[in-house]
Amino acid sequence: MPADPGLEVPLTLLTGFLGAGKTTVLNRILSGDHGLRVTVLVNDFGDLDIAEELVAGRSGDTINLTNGCVCCSLKEDLASTVLGALAQAPDHLLLEASGVADPTGIATTLLAPVFAGRVRLDGVICVTDACLLPDPPEPDLVLRQLMVSDLVLLNKADLAGPARMAAASEWIRTRLAGARIVPARHGDVPLPVLLSSLAPPGERALPVAQPEDCAGEACDHPGHQAHPAFDTWYFRNPAQFDAGRLEALGARLPPAVYRVKGVVNLAGSGTGTALLQGVGRRIRLEPLPADNPGGNSRLVVIGAAGGLDPDWLEQAFSDCLAAN
């Protein structure tokens, strides 16, 4: 499915130290049942072990994958490489930073004006090996990778065990207050946490939001299947939102909230509707085309199992509604 015209292509920056499990996460995304055309940009193909069953063919700096995705070598000029990848008409861009790279410069480049209206930095995810904490190699580099991230994927929980996972989480939180730590085994995290562009069929503009006929946990809509480590909370309201209040809410969301997605009606908006994307503390509103159907504002919050407070969330989002 081609990217919607008029919408910026979301880009996820994947960072993390050597051996943390970035390749496993990438392969899970590429082999996932999501129907998205994903273009992956990597520093060097030698750093990325694409699962053999995913490879359809290779030509120069491009690997064609059996699911319609593309993997491209990241050249020296980051801006031109990212913009050139748009020729593949991707639904989502995924950029893997080298395991020994400080991602701060990459993230800063992706916020440059040259990408405005074409590519948006959807989120920075740091894959971290829980077994290496609280005494990581190159601690300064590991900390810089963590500091620039919206989500910390604390990987290898099966190998680390509960005590080390707790110690690793504490090491991160004592250095980064409010860090959003997502525990994982073998990089197994629901795709809606990683990719904002994931949507049920026919609902490209409403990623993971609950359809009218959704039966809750018992439904079989793509992206709605229950995961024991994650909870979801849904919000619907016919009233219009105040854009400024929504964007400011991101800074107040508790650490247990990983992602917020939906379509909202905005007071004073030119088109009346906007795509809402939130990762970590960041909430972004992107105006939708004028022909986008309206209806109730609806969004979904994805977070840690047992960590979402429905009453707090209900009040917080209700407080973002525009005054009548």
Protein backbone atom coordinates (compact mmCIF):
# COMPACT_ATOMS: atom_id res chain seq x y z
CA MET A 1 0.00 0.00 0.00
CA PRO A 2 1.58 3.32 -0.99
CA ALA A 3 2.03 6.10 1.52
CA ASP A 4 -0.87 8.55 1.72
CA PRO A 5 -0.29 11.65 -0.43
CA GLY A 6 0.11 14.81 1.59
CA LEU A 7 1.35 13.02 4.71
CA GLU A 8 4.95 12.93 5.87
CA VAL A 9 6.57 9.50 5.86
CA PRO A 10 7.37 8.46 9.45
CA LEU A 11 10.97 7.48 10.20
CA THR A 12 12.03 5.42 13.20
CA LEU A 13 15.66 5.67 14.31
CA LEU A 14 16.90 2.44 15.88
CA THR A 15 20.00 2.77 18.05
CA GLY A 16 21.79 0.67 20.64
CA PHE A 17 25.19 -0.78 21.47
CA LEU A 18 26.77 -3.70 19.63
CA GLY A 19 25.01 -7.01 20.24
CA ALA A 20 21.96 -5.50 21.94
CA GLY A 21 19.55 -7.12 19.48
CA LYS A 22 18.85 -4.46 16.84
CA THR A 23 19.06 -7.05 14.05
CA THR A 24 16.49 -9.23 15.81
CA VAL A 25 14.13 -6.27 16.15
CA LEU A 26 14.61 -5.35 12.48
CA ASN A 27 13.87 -8.88 11.32
CA ARG A 28 10.75 -9.01 13.49
CA ILE A 29 9.50 -5.81 11.86
CA LEU A 30 10.31 -6.96 8.33
CA SER A 31 8.73 -10.37 8.81
CA GLY A 32 5.70 -9.02 10.69
CA ASP A 33 2.17 -9.38 9.36
CA HIS A 34 1.52 -5.65 8.97
CA GLY A 35 1.17 -5.07 5.22
CA LEU A 36 3.46 -2.04 5.30
CA ARG A 37 6.13 -1.26 2.75
CA VAL A 38 9.15 -0.54 4.92
CA THR A 39 12.43 0.87 3.65
CA VAL A 40 15.37 0.08 5.92
CA LEU A 41 18.52 2.19 5.86
CA VAL A 42 21.63 0.65 7.41
CA ASN A 43 25.22 1.81 7.76
CA ASP A 44 26.61 -1.26 6.04
CA PHE A 45 24.99 -4.48 4.90
CA GLY A 46 27.70 -6.35 6.78
CA ASP A 47 26.14 -5.06 10.01
CA LEU A 48 22.68 -6.34 9.17
CA ASP A 49 21.95 -10.06 9.06
CA ILE A 50 18.69 -10.11 7.13
CA ALA A 51 17.02 -13.48 7.62
CA GLU A 52 17.67 -15.59 4.51
CA GLU A 53 13.99 -16.31 3.93
CA LEU A 54 13.33 -12.55 3.64
CA VAL A 55 15.81 -11.89 0.84
CA ALA A 56 14.45 -11.91 -2.70
CA GLY A 57 17.42 -10.39 -4.49
CA ARG A 58 20.24 -7.88 -4.31
CA SER A 59 21.33 -5.17 -6.70
CA GLY A 60 24.14 -2.77 -5.83
CA ASP A 61 23.26 -0.95 -2.63
CA THR A 62 19.74 -2.39 -2.43
CA ILE A 63 18.33 -5.66 -1.12
CA ASN A 64 14.82 -6.48 -2.27
CA LEU A 65 12.84 -8.43 0.30
CA THR A 66 10.13 -10.99 -0.32
CA ASN A 67 7.48 -8.97 1.52
CA GLY A 68 7.90 -5.93 -0.75
CA CYS A 69 10.19 -4.08 1.64
CA VAL A 70 13.58 -2.70 0.64
CA CYS A 71 16.90 -2.52 2.49
CA CYS A 72 19.33 0.17 1.33
CA SER A 73 22.94 0.93 2.27
CA LEU A 74 23.26 4.21 4.17
CA LYS A 75 25.66 6.45 2.30
CA GLU A 76 27.75 9.25 3.76
CA ASP A 77 25.19 11.95 2.96
CA LEU A 78 22.38 11.09 5.35
CA ALA A 79 19.94 13.69 4.06
CA SER A 80 20.22 12.67 0.40
CA THR A 81 19.99 8.98 1.27
CA VAL A 82 16.83 9.44 3.33
CA LEU A 83 15.19 11.66 0.73
CA GLY A 84 16.26 9.27 -2.03
CA ALA A 85 14.54 6.41 -0.19
CA LEU A 86 11.22 8.17 -0.73
CA ALA A 87 11.39 6.99 -4.36
CA GLN A 88 10.53 3.53 -2.99
CA ALA A 89 7.14 4.96 -1.87
CA PRO A 90 7.51 3.54 1.64
CA ASP A 91 4.86 3.59 4.34
CA HIS A 92 7.62 3.73 6.94
CA LEU A 93 11.36 4.39 7.02
CA LEU A 94 13.56 2.55 9.49
CA LEU A 95 17.11 3.80 10.04
CA GLU A 96 19.56 1.63 11.98
CA ALA A 97 22.46 3.50 13.54
CA SER A 98 25.78 1.76 14.00
CA GLY A 99 26.21 0.08 17.39
CA VAL A 100 29.12 2.39 18.16
CA ALA A 101 27.48 5.57 16.87
CA ASP A 102 26.26 8.49 18.95
CA PRO A 103 22.74 8.97 17.51
CA THR A 104 22.47 12.60 18.62
CA GLY A 105 23.80 13.96 15.33
CA ILE A 106 21.55 11.65 13.30
CA ALA A 107 18.45 12.70 15.23
CA THR A 108 19.37 16.38 14.84
CA THR A 109 19.84 15.96 11.09
CA LEU A 110 16.43 14.32 10.76
CA LEU A 111 14.83 17.41 12.29
CA ALA A 112 16.36 19.70 9.63
CA PRO A 113 14.08 21.87 7.45
CA VAL A 114 14.96 19.85 4.34
CA PHE A 115 12.71 17.04 5.65
CA ALA A 116 9.73 19.27 6.45
CA GLY A 117 6.56 18.02 4.79
CA ARG A 118 8.31 14.89 3.52
CA VAL A 119 9.78 12.91 6.42
CA ARG A 120 9.08 13.16 10.14
CA LEU A 121 11.12 11.66 12.93
CA ASP A 122 8.53 9.36 14.46
CA GLY A 123 10.64 8.11 17.32
CA VAL A 124 14.07 7.06 18.53
CA ILE A 125 14.22 3.54 19.98
CA CYS A 126 17.28 2.33 21.85
CA VAL A 127 17.75 -1.45 22.03
CA THR A 128 19.67 -2.22 25.22
CA ASP A 129 21.12 -5.53 26.39
CA ALA A 130 19.86 -6.02 29.93
CA CYS A 131 22.66 -8.49 30.61
CA LEU A 132 25.26 -5.72 30.26
CA LEU A 133 23.75 -3.46 32.90
CA PRO A 134 24.47 -2.02 35.40
CA ASP A 135 28.11 -2.23 34.25
CA PRO A 136 27.98 -1.62 30.49
CA PRO A 137 30.97 -1.41 28.16
CA GLU A 138 31.56 2.15 26.95
CA PRO A 139 29.16 3.57 29.56
CA ASP A 140 29.37 7.13 28.20
CA LEU A 141 28.32 6.01 24.71
CA VAL A 142 25.56 3.76 26.06
CA LEU A 143 24.24 6.66 28.11
CA ARG A 144 24.25 9.01 25.10
CA GLN A 145 22.31 6.41 23.11
CA LEU A 146 19.78 6.18 25.91
CA MET A 147 19.49 9.94 26.42
CA VAL A 148 18.39 10.67 22.85
CA SER A 149 15.79 7.88 22.84
CA ASP A 150 12.03 8.10 23.25
CA LEU A 151 11.74 4.42 24.18
CA VAL A 152 14.28 2.05 25.69
CA LEU A 153 13.81 -1.54 24.56
CA LEU A 154 15.38 -3.48 27.44
CA ASN A 155 16.12 -6.68 25.57
CA LYS A 156 17.18 -10.23 26.54
CA ALA A 157 14.88 -10.40 29.56
CA ASP A 158 14.92 -14.19 29.26
CA LEU A 159 18.69 -14.29 29.72
CA ALA A 160 18.96 -11.53 32.31
CA GLY A 161 16.30 -12.79 34.71
CA PRO A 162 14.11 -10.70 37.04
CA ALA A 163 16.85 -9.50 39.40
CA ARG A 164 19.15 -8.22 36.65
CA MET A 165 16.21 -6.71 34.76
CA ALA A 166 15.31 -4.76 37.89
CA ALA A 167 18.93 -3.66 38.37
CA ALA A 168 19.19 -2.64 34.70
CA SER A 169 15.98 -0.62 34.90
CA GLU A 170 17.18 1.07 38.07
CA TRP A 171 20.53 1.95 36.45
CA ILE A 172 18.71 3.62 33.58
CA ARG A 173 16.14 5.44 35.71
CA THR A 174 18.70 6.86 38.13
CA ARG A 175 20.35 8.53 35.14
CA LEU A 176 17.26 9.30 33.07
CA ALA A 177 14.26 10.18 35.20
CA GLY A 178 11.01 9.25 33.52
CA ALA A 179 12.63 6.89 31.00
CA ARG A 180 10.12 4.71 29.15
CA ILE A 181 11.54 1.22 29.51
CA VAL A 182 9.95 -1.55 27.43
CA PRO A 183 11.00 -5.06 28.54
CA ALA A 184 11.48 -7.59 25.74
CA ARG A 185 12.61 -11.12 24.99
CA HIS A 186 14.18 -11.68 21.57
CA GLY A 187 12.97 -8.21 20.56
CA ASP A 188 9.36 -9.37 20.79
CA VAL A 189 7.35 -6.18 21.15
CA PRO A 190 3.93 -5.47 19.58
CA LEU A 191 4.53 -3.72 16.28
CA PRO A 192 2.25 -0.76 17.14
CA VAL A 193 4.79 0.18 19.83
CA LEU A 194 7.54 0.35 17.22
CA LEU A 195 5.72 1.61 14.11
CA SER A 196 3.26 4.47 14.18
CA SER A 197 2.11 3.69 10.65
CA LEU A 198 0.62 0.30 11.54
CA ALA A 199 -3.10 0.31 10.84
CA PRO A 200 -5.97 -2.13 10.38
CA PRO A 201 -6.84 -2.72 6.70
CA GLY A 202 -8.77 0.19 5.25
CA GLU A 203 -7.88 2.50 8.15
CA ARG A 204 -4.55 3.92 6.96
CA ALA A 205 -5.25 7.24 8.67
CA LEU A 206 -6.12 5.64 12.00
CA PRO A 207 -3.18 3.56 13.23
CA VAL A 208 -4.32 0.89 15.67
CA ALA A 209 -7.37 2.89 16.67
CA GLN A 210 -10.43 0.87 17.61
CA PRO A 211 -12.94 0.33 14.76
CA GLU A 212 -16.63 0.84 15.50
CA ASP A 213 -17.23 -2.93 15.46
CA CYS A 214 -14.23 -3.82 17.64
CA ALA A 215 -15.05 -6.37 20.33
CA GLY A 216 -12.16 -5.38 22.57
CA GLU A 217 -9.69 -8.03 23.66
CA ALA A 218 -11.66 -10.74 21.85
CA CYS A 219 -11.40 -9.03 18.44
CA ASP A 220 -9.19 -10.24 15.61
CA HIS A 221 -8.32 -6.89 14.03
CA PRO A 222 -4.63 -6.64 13.06
CA GLY A 223 -2.64 -5.02 15.84
CA HIS A 224 -5.32 -5.61 18.48
CA GLN A 225 -4.24 -9.03 19.68
CA ALA A 226 -3.45 -9.03 23.39
CA HIS A 227 0.15 -9.12 24.57
CA PRO A 228 0.78 -10.05 28.21
CA ALA A 229 3.32 -7.26 28.77
CA PHE A 230 1.20 -4.43 27.32
CA ASP A 231 -2.16 -2.76 27.87
CA THR A 232 -4.23 -0.49 25.65
CA TRP A 233 -6.72 2.23 26.55
CA TYR A 234 -9.17 3.79 24.08
CA PHE A 235 -10.72 7.25 24.04
CA ARG A 236 -13.60 8.55 21.92
CA ASN A 237 -15.29 11.91 22.04
CA PRO A 238 -17.39 13.93 19.56
CA ALA A 239 -16.00 17.24 20.82
CA GLN A 240 -13.06 19.10 19.32
CA PHE A 241 -9.59 19.18 20.88
CA ASP A 242 -7.37 22.15 21.56
CA ALA A 243 -4.15 21.47 19.63
CA GLY A 244 -1.89 23.28 22.08
CA ARG A 245 -3.23 21.37 25.07
CA LEU A 246 -2.79 18.04 23.30
CA GLU A 247 0.81 18.77 22.36
CA ALA A 248 1.59 19.97 25.89
CA LEU A 249 0.10 16.80 27.37
CA GLY A 250 3.05 14.78 26.05
CA ALA A 251 5.34 16.19 28.74
CA ARG A 252 2.93 15.05 31.47
CA LEU A 253 2.32 11.49 30.32
CA PRO A 254 3.55 8.92 32.86
CA PRO A 255 6.53 6.68 32.00
CA ALA A 256 4.21 3.67 31.60
CA VAL A 257 2.74 5.27 28.44
CA TYR A 258 4.74 4.21 25.39
CA ARG A 259 2.64 5.37 22.43
CA VAL A 260 -0.46 7.42 21.64
CA LYS A 261 -2.13 7.22 18.23
CA GLY A 262 -5.35 8.37 16.68
CA VAL A 263 -7.34 10.84 14.62
CA VAL A 264 -8.69 13.93 16.34
CA ASN A 265 -10.94 16.84 15.45
CA LEU A 266 -9.28 20.17 16.22
CA ALA A 267 -10.88 23.46 17.08
CA GLY A 268 -9.87 26.13 14.58
CA SER A 269 -8.11 23.60 12.34
CA GLY A 270 -8.18 24.26 8.62
CA THR A 271 -9.24 20.71 7.77
CA GLY A 272 -10.86 19.87 11.08
CA THR A 273 -9.00 16.59 11.55
CA ALA A 274 -5.42 15.66 12.33
CA LEU A 275 -3.36 12.54 12.76
CA LEU A 276 -2.07 12.31 16.33
CA GLN A 277 1.20 10.49 16.97
CA GLY A 278 2.86 10.27 20.34
CA VAL A 279 5.98 8.40 21.41
CA GLY A 280 7.61 8.88 24.77
CA ARG A 281 7.02 12.49 25.83
CA ARG A 282 6.48 13.74 22.29
CA ILE A 283 3.01 14.34 20.78
CA ARG A 284 2.73 15.53 17.21
CA LEU A 285 -0.31 16.56 15.19
CA GLU A 286 -0.30 16.26 11.41
CA PRO A 287 -3.22 17.80 9.45
CA LEU A 288 -5.11 15.28 7.33
CA PRO A 289 -6.36 15.94 3.78
CA ALA A 290 -9.63 17.83 3.56
CA ASP A 291 -11.42 14.75 2.16
CA ASN A 292 -10.59 12.65 5.21
CA PRO A 293 -13.82 11.49 6.87
CA GLY A 294 -14.58 13.11 10.18
CA GLY A 295 -16.54 11.45 12.97
CA ASN A 296 -15.63 11.21 16.60
CA SER A 297 -12.11 11.87 17.76
CA ARG A 298 -10.63 8.50 18.66
CA LEU A 299 -7.25 7.46 19.93
CA VAL A 300 -5.46 4.59 21.61
CA VAL A 301 -2.81 4.62 24.32
CA ILE A 302 -0.35 1.72 24.47
CA GLY A 303 1.61 1.12 27.64
CA ALA A 304 2.99 -1.27 30.23
CA ALA A 305 0.67 -3.98 31.50
CA GLY A 306 -0.92 -2.77 34.72
CA GLY A 307 0.71 0.63 34.31
CA LEU A 308 -2.13 2.58 32.68
CA ASP A 309 -4.48 4.52 34.95
CA PRO A 310 -7.79 4.79 33.02
CA ASP A 311 -9.19 7.50 35.30
CA TRP A 312 -6.06 9.65 34.97
CA LEU A 313 -5.96 9.21 31.20
CA GLU A 314 -9.67 9.99 30.85
CA GLN A 315 -9.27 13.21 32.81
CA ALA A 316 -6.02 14.19 31.08
CA PHE A 317 -7.42 13.88 27.57
CA SER A 318 -10.78 15.40 28.54
CA ASP A 319 -8.88 18.43 29.83
CA CYS A 320 -7.45 18.84 26.31
CA LEU A 321 -10.89 19.36 24.78
CA ALA A 322 -11.60 22.84 23.47
CA ALA A 323 -13.98 25.04 25.45
CA ASN A 324 -17.51 25.12 24.06
